[in-house]
Amino acid sequence: TLAAAFAQLERDLTSERTTAALSHKRSKGERVGHVPYGYKVASDGVRLLPVAPEQSVLERMRRWRTCGWSYGRIANQLDAADVPTRSGRPWHMYSVAVMLRRNSKRDAA
């Protein structure tokens, strides 16, 4: 029971430290969180800059989606064309859906 209590204490402290560190970065205006596909962080650590090859892939994905393709079909086509993901893993329909939704919101803003 004592070991479990110390383990819980350590988890709580780690959580508090992480929250404090992220809050500090936000207060300094630094970017916090993941960088979406199609972009990289500028040298100022805040702004997002487009990455041309990834933007081209996103445009292809949008075109295919407009033609009525399913997310799964788009993922399969990207894999068949040997289009790399950032992680080097195969494309997945869920990640395609998230990318297209995220980028459509960004384009609307």
C-alpha atoms as a PDB file:
ATOM      1  CA  THR A   1       0.000   0.000   0.000  1.00  0.00           C
ATOM      2  CA  LEU A   2       2.862   2.323   0.793  1.00  0.00           C
ATOM      3  CA  ALA A   3       4.468   1.740  -2.632  1.00  0.00           C
ATOM      4  CA  ALA A   4       1.147   2.494  -4.327  1.00  0.00           C
ATOM      5  CA  ALA A   5       0.825   5.718  -2.342  1.00  0.00           C
ATOM      6  CA  PHE A   6       4.322   6.839  -3.397  1.00  0.00           C
ATOM      7  CA  ALA A   7       3.598   5.923  -7.004  1.00  0.00           C
ATOM      8  CA  GLN A   8       0.424   8.035  -6.917  1.00  0.00           C
ATOM      9  CA  LEU A   9       2.336  10.920  -5.326  1.00  0.00           C
ATOM     10  CA  GLU A  10       4.944  10.752  -8.086  1.00  0.00           C
ATOM     11  CA  ARG A  11       2.236  10.754 -10.789  1.00  0.00           C
ATOM     12  CA  ASP A  12       0.611  13.782  -9.178  1.00  0.00           C
ATOM     13  CA  LEU A  13       3.920  15.657  -8.951  1.00  0.00           C
ATOM     14  CA  THR A  14       4.739  14.861 -12.584  1.00  0.00           C
ATOM     15  CA  SER A  15       1.341  16.137 -13.638  1.00  0.00           C
ATOM     16  CA  GLU A  16       1.787  19.364 -11.667  1.00  0.00           C
ATOM     17  CA  ARG A  17       5.272  19.936 -13.105  1.00  0.00           C
ATOM     18  CA  THR A  18       4.041  19.354 -16.653  1.00  0.00           C
ATOM     19  CA  THR A  19       1.093  21.703 -16.189  1.00  0.00           C
ATOM     20  CA  ALA A  20       3.379  24.386 -14.763  1.00  0.00           C
ATOM     21  CA  ALA A  21       5.922  24.022 -17.580  1.00  0.00           C
ATOM     22  CA  LEU A  22       3.258  24.253 -20.300  1.00  0.00           C
ATOM     23  CA  SER A  23       1.669  27.230 -18.582  1.00  0.00           C
ATOM     24  CA  HIS A  24       5.063  28.955 -18.426  1.00  0.00           C
ATOM     25  CA  LYS A  25       5.644  28.350 -22.150  1.00  0.00           C
ATOM     26  CA  ARG A  26       2.201  29.735 -22.982  1.00  0.00           C
ATOM     27  CA  SER A  27       2.811  32.831 -20.861  1.00  0.00           C
ATOM     28  CA  LYS A  28       6.011  33.488 -22.847  1.00  0.00           C
ATOM     29  CA  GLY A  29       4.048  33.157 -26.103  1.00  0.00           C
ATOM     30  CA  GLU A  30       5.736  29.893 -27.103  1.00  0.00           C
ATOM     31  CA  ARG A  31       3.917  27.217 -29.039  1.00  0.00           C
ATOM     32  CA  VAL A  32       2.611  24.277 -27.029  1.00  0.00           C
ATOM     33  CA  GLY A  33       1.286  21.093 -28.554  1.00  0.00           C
ATOM     34  CA  HIS A  34       1.731  19.104 -31.675  1.00  0.00           C
ATOM     35  CA  VAL A  35       2.581  20.610 -35.056  1.00  0.00           C
ATOM     36  CA  PRO A  36      -0.045  19.612 -37.638  1.00  0.00           C
ATOM     37  CA  TYR A  37       0.870  17.807 -40.842  1.00  0.00           C
ATOM     38  CA  GLY A  38       1.664  20.330 -43.562  1.00  0.00           C
ATOM     39  CA  TYR A  39       3.390  22.791 -41.233  1.00  0.00           C
ATOM     40  CA  LYS A  40       6.567  23.341 -39.240  1.00  0.00           C
ATOM     41  CA  VAL A  41       7.317  25.738 -36.410  1.00  0.00           C
ATOM     42  CA  ALA A  42       9.077  28.950 -37.445  1.00  0.00           C
ATOM     43  CA  SER A  43      12.345  29.971 -35.830  1.00  0.00           C
ATOM     44  CA  ASP A  44      10.410  32.221 -33.428  1.00  0.00           C
ATOM     45  CA  GLY A  45       8.918  29.075 -31.883  1.00  0.00           C
ATOM     46  CA  VAL A  46       5.346  30.339 -32.305  1.00  0.00           C
ATOM     47  CA  ARG A  47       4.231  30.727 -35.915  1.00  0.00           C
ATOM     48  CA  LEU A  48       3.495  27.815 -38.215  1.00  0.00           C
ATOM     49  CA  LEU A  49       5.045  27.792 -41.658  1.00  0.00           C
ATOM     50  CA  PRO A  50       3.711  25.644 -44.514  1.00  0.00           C
ATOM     51  CA  VAL A  51       5.824  22.711 -45.711  1.00  0.00           C
ATOM     52  CA  ALA A  52       5.398  22.571 -49.495  1.00  0.00           C
ATOM     53  CA  PRO A  53       5.594  18.772 -50.036  1.00  0.00           C
ATOM     54  CA  GLU A  54       3.150  18.102 -47.176  1.00  0.00           C
ATOM     55  CA  GLN A  55       0.822  20.881 -48.382  1.00  0.00           C
ATOM     56  CA  SER A  56       0.818  19.171 -51.779  1.00  0.00           C
ATOM     57  CA  VAL A  57      -0.252  15.898 -50.144  1.00  0.00           C
ATOM     58  CA  LEU A  58      -3.004  17.703 -48.229  1.00  0.00           C
ATOM     59  CA  GLU A  59      -4.250  19.285 -51.449  1.00  0.00           C
ATOM     60  CA  ARG A  60      -4.360  15.876 -53.115  1.00  0.00           C
ATOM     61  CA  MET A  61      -6.290  14.499 -50.141  1.00  0.00           C
ATOM     62  CA  ARG A  62      -8.804  17.372 -50.353  1.00  0.00           C
ATOM     63  CA  ARG A  63      -9.289  16.824 -54.088  1.00  0.00           C
ATOM     64  CA  TRP A  64      -9.909  13.109 -53.615  1.00  0.00           C
ATOM     65  CA  ARG A  65     -12.331  13.794 -50.773  1.00  0.00           C
ATOM     66  CA  THR A  66     -14.213  16.304 -52.960  1.00  0.00           C
ATOM     67  CA  CYS A  67     -14.508  13.550 -55.589  1.00  0.00           C
ATOM     68  CA  GLY A  68     -16.275  11.410 -53.005  1.00  0.00           C
ATOM     69  CA  TRP A  69     -13.410   9.166 -51.939  1.00  0.00           C
ATOM     70  CA  SER A  70     -13.626   7.606 -48.487  1.00  0.00           C
ATOM     71  CA  TYR A  71     -10.941   8.279 -45.908  1.00  0.00           C
ATOM     72  CA  GLY A  72      -9.875   4.641 -46.185  1.00  0.00           C
ATOM     73  CA  ARG A  73      -9.510   4.852 -49.949  1.00  0.00           C
ATOM     74  CA  ILE A  74      -7.413   8.012 -49.605  1.00  0.00           C
ATOM     75  CA  ALA A  75      -5.162   6.310 -47.032  1.00  0.00           C
ATOM     76  CA  ASN A  76      -4.749   3.259 -49.286  1.00  0.00           C
ATOM     77  CA  GLN A  77      -3.931   5.456 -52.290  1.00  0.00           C
ATOM     78  CA  LEU A  78      -1.273   7.381 -50.340  1.00  0.00           C
ATOM     79  CA  ASP A  79       0.293   4.098 -49.214  1.00  0.00           C
ATOM     80  CA  ALA A  80       0.199   2.702 -52.766  1.00  0.00           C
ATOM     81  CA  ALA A  81       1.916   5.862 -54.033  1.00  0.00           C
ATOM     82  CA  ASP A  82       4.608   5.530 -51.318  1.00  0.00           C
ATOM     83  CA  VAL A  83       3.736   8.938 -49.865  1.00  0.00           C
ATOM     84  CA  PRO A  84       5.507   9.060 -46.496  1.00  0.00           C
ATOM     85  CA  THR A  85       3.863   9.982 -43.231  1.00  0.00           C
ATOM     86  CA  ARG A  86       5.924  11.920 -40.708  1.00  0.00           C
ATOM     87  CA  SER A  87       6.276   8.831 -38.554  1.00  0.00           C
ATOM     88  CA  GLY A  88       7.090   6.499 -41.437  1.00  0.00           C
ATOM     89  CA  ARG A  89       4.106   4.289 -40.629  1.00  0.00           C
ATOM     90  CA  PRO A  90       1.313   3.486 -43.089  1.00  0.00           C
ATOM     91  CA  TRP A  91      -1.503   5.972 -43.585  1.00  0.00           C
ATOM     92  CA  HIS A  92      -4.673   5.296 -41.630  1.00  0.00           C
ATOM     93  CA  MET A  93      -8.179   6.452 -42.492  1.00  0.00           C
ATOM     94  CA  TYR A  94      -8.599   8.053 -39.054  1.00  0.00           C
ATOM     95  CA  SER A  95      -5.452  10.177 -39.446  1.00  0.00           C
ATOM     96  CA  VAL A  96      -6.583  11.247 -42.935  1.00  0.00           C
ATOM     97  CA  ALA A  97      -9.974  12.291 -41.528  1.00  0.00           C
ATOM     98  CA  VAL A  98      -8.369  14.244 -38.675  1.00  0.00           C
ATOM     99  CA  MET A  99      -5.935  16.013 -41.022  1.00  0.00           C
ATOM    100  CA  LEU A 100      -8.647  17.033 -43.454  1.00  0.00           C
ATOM    101  CA  ARG A 101     -10.950  18.288 -40.699  1.00  0.00           C
ATOM    102  CA  ARG A 102      -8.152  20.151 -38.932  1.00  0.00           C
ATOM    103  CA  ASN A 103      -6.953  21.819 -42.119  1.00  0.00           C
ATOM    104  CA  SER A 104     -10.454  22.792 -43.227  1.00  0.00           C
ATOM    105  CA  LYS A 105     -10.922  24.567 -39.865  1.00  0.00           C
ATOM    106  CA  ARG A 106      -7.550  26.292 -40.269  1.00  0.00           C
ATOM    107  CA  ASP A 107      -8.440  27.418 -43.804  1.00  0.00           C
ATOM    108  CA  ALA A 108     -11.772  28.818 -42.583  1.00  0.00           C
ATOM    109  CA  ALA A 109     -10.088  30.865 -39.831  1.00  0.00           C
END
